[in-house]
Amino acid sequence: MTIPKRLYRINQDDLYIMMNAYKITDTQTGNSTATMIGQYWKKSLKTGTFEISKIGLLREATWARKNGLIEWSEIVSNWAEIA
């Protein structure tokens, strides 16, 4: 018996609104919350929805925290709690 993955789904329009709500904080490296949301938005273009597992969200949050993207880490951690 397989256990289905718990996925967090967010639609393309919500990602676009969030991407525009956050400003790019580091223009040289491109590391910012807006940039990270933009990457998810690009992945949602085919289906209109971005899906990621809870484990994927936790990995993303850990990576973000290690790389100094505290704001992005907090957002993704909150998504993981919902998933």
Protein backbone atom coordinates (compact mmCIF):
# COMPACT_ATOMS: atom_id res chain seq x y z
CA MET A 1 0.00 0.00 0.00
CA THR A 2 1.42 3.37 -0.98
CA ILE A 3 0.82 6.53 0.94
CA PRO A 4 -0.09 9.47 -1.29
CA LYS A 5 2.17 12.50 -1.13
CA ARG A 6 0.73 15.57 0.48
CA LEU A 7 1.11 18.40 -1.97
CA TYR A 8 0.89 22.13 -1.53
CA ARG A 9 -0.79 23.76 -4.52
CA ILE A 10 -0.73 27.43 -5.35
CA ASN A 11 -2.19 28.90 -8.48
CA GLN A 12 -0.27 30.93 -11.03
CA ASP A 13 -2.11 34.20 -10.37
CA ASP A 14 -1.39 34.08 -6.63
CA LEU A 15 2.30 33.43 -7.31
CA TYR A 16 2.43 36.40 -9.71
CA ILE A 17 0.82 38.71 -7.14
CA MET A 18 3.27 37.53 -4.47
CA MET A 19 6.22 37.92 -6.82
CA ASN A 20 5.31 41.56 -7.45
CA ALA A 21 4.62 42.24 -3.77
CA TYR A 22 8.23 41.48 -2.76
CA LYS A 23 11.09 43.61 -3.96
CA ILE A 24 14.38 42.22 -5.19
CA THR A 25 16.79 42.75 -2.31
CA ASP A 26 20.09 41.69 -3.85
CA THR A 27 20.32 42.81 -7.47
CA GLN A 28 23.84 41.48 -8.04
CA THR A 29 23.17 37.86 -7.11
CA GLY A 30 19.44 37.89 -7.80
CA ASN A 31 18.82 36.28 -4.42
CA SER A 32 15.51 37.53 -3.14
CA THR A 33 12.06 36.36 -2.23
CA ALA A 34 10.70 37.80 -5.49
CA THR A 35 13.25 35.80 -7.50
CA MET A 36 12.41 32.56 -5.71
CA ILE A 37 8.66 33.05 -6.19
CA GLY A 38 9.39 33.86 -9.85
CA GLN A 39 11.04 30.47 -10.27
CA TYR A 40 7.91 28.76 -8.93
CA TRP A 41 5.76 30.97 -11.18
CA LYS A 42 7.71 29.85 -14.26
CA LYS A 43 7.11 26.22 -13.31
CA SER A 44 3.36 26.91 -13.08
CA LEU A 45 3.01 28.25 -16.63
CA LYS A 46 2.13 24.89 -18.22
CA THR A 47 -0.60 23.84 -15.82
CA GLY A 48 -1.61 27.10 -14.12
CA THR A 49 -0.80 25.60 -10.71
CA PHE A 50 2.45 24.92 -8.91
CA GLU A 51 2.58 21.75 -6.81
CA ILE A 52 5.28 20.77 -4.35
CA SER A 53 5.43 18.15 -1.62
CA LYS A 54 5.77 18.98 2.06
CA ILE A 55 9.25 17.45 2.06
CA GLY A 56 10.18 19.60 -0.94
CA LEU A 57 9.00 22.70 0.90
CA LEU A 58 11.02 21.79 3.98
CA ARG A 59 14.13 21.24 1.86
CA GLU A 60 13.58 24.61 0.18
CA ALA A 61 13.16 26.29 3.58
CA THR A 62 16.37 24.70 4.88
CA TRP A 63 18.31 25.74 1.77
CA ALA A 64 16.96 29.29 2.02
CA ARG A 65 17.89 29.59 5.69
CA LYS A 66 21.43 28.33 5.01
CA ASN A 67 21.82 30.87 2.20
CA GLY A 68 20.56 33.85 4.19
CA LEU A 69 17.11 34.12 2.60
CA ILE A 70 15.29 34.28 5.93
CA GLU A 71 12.10 35.84 4.57
CA TRP A 72 11.79 33.17 1.85
CA SER A 73 12.52 30.45 4.40
CA GLU A 74 9.68 31.68 6.62
CA ILE A 75 7.21 31.80 3.72
CA VAL A 76 8.06 28.29 2.56
CA SER A 77 7.96 26.96 6.13
CA ASN A 78 4.45 28.35 6.50
CA TRP A 79 3.43 26.62 3.27
CA ALA A 80 4.87 23.36 4.63
CA GLU A 81 2.72 23.65 7.75
CA ILE A 82 -0.38 23.95 5.56
CA ALA A 83 0.56 21.02 3.30
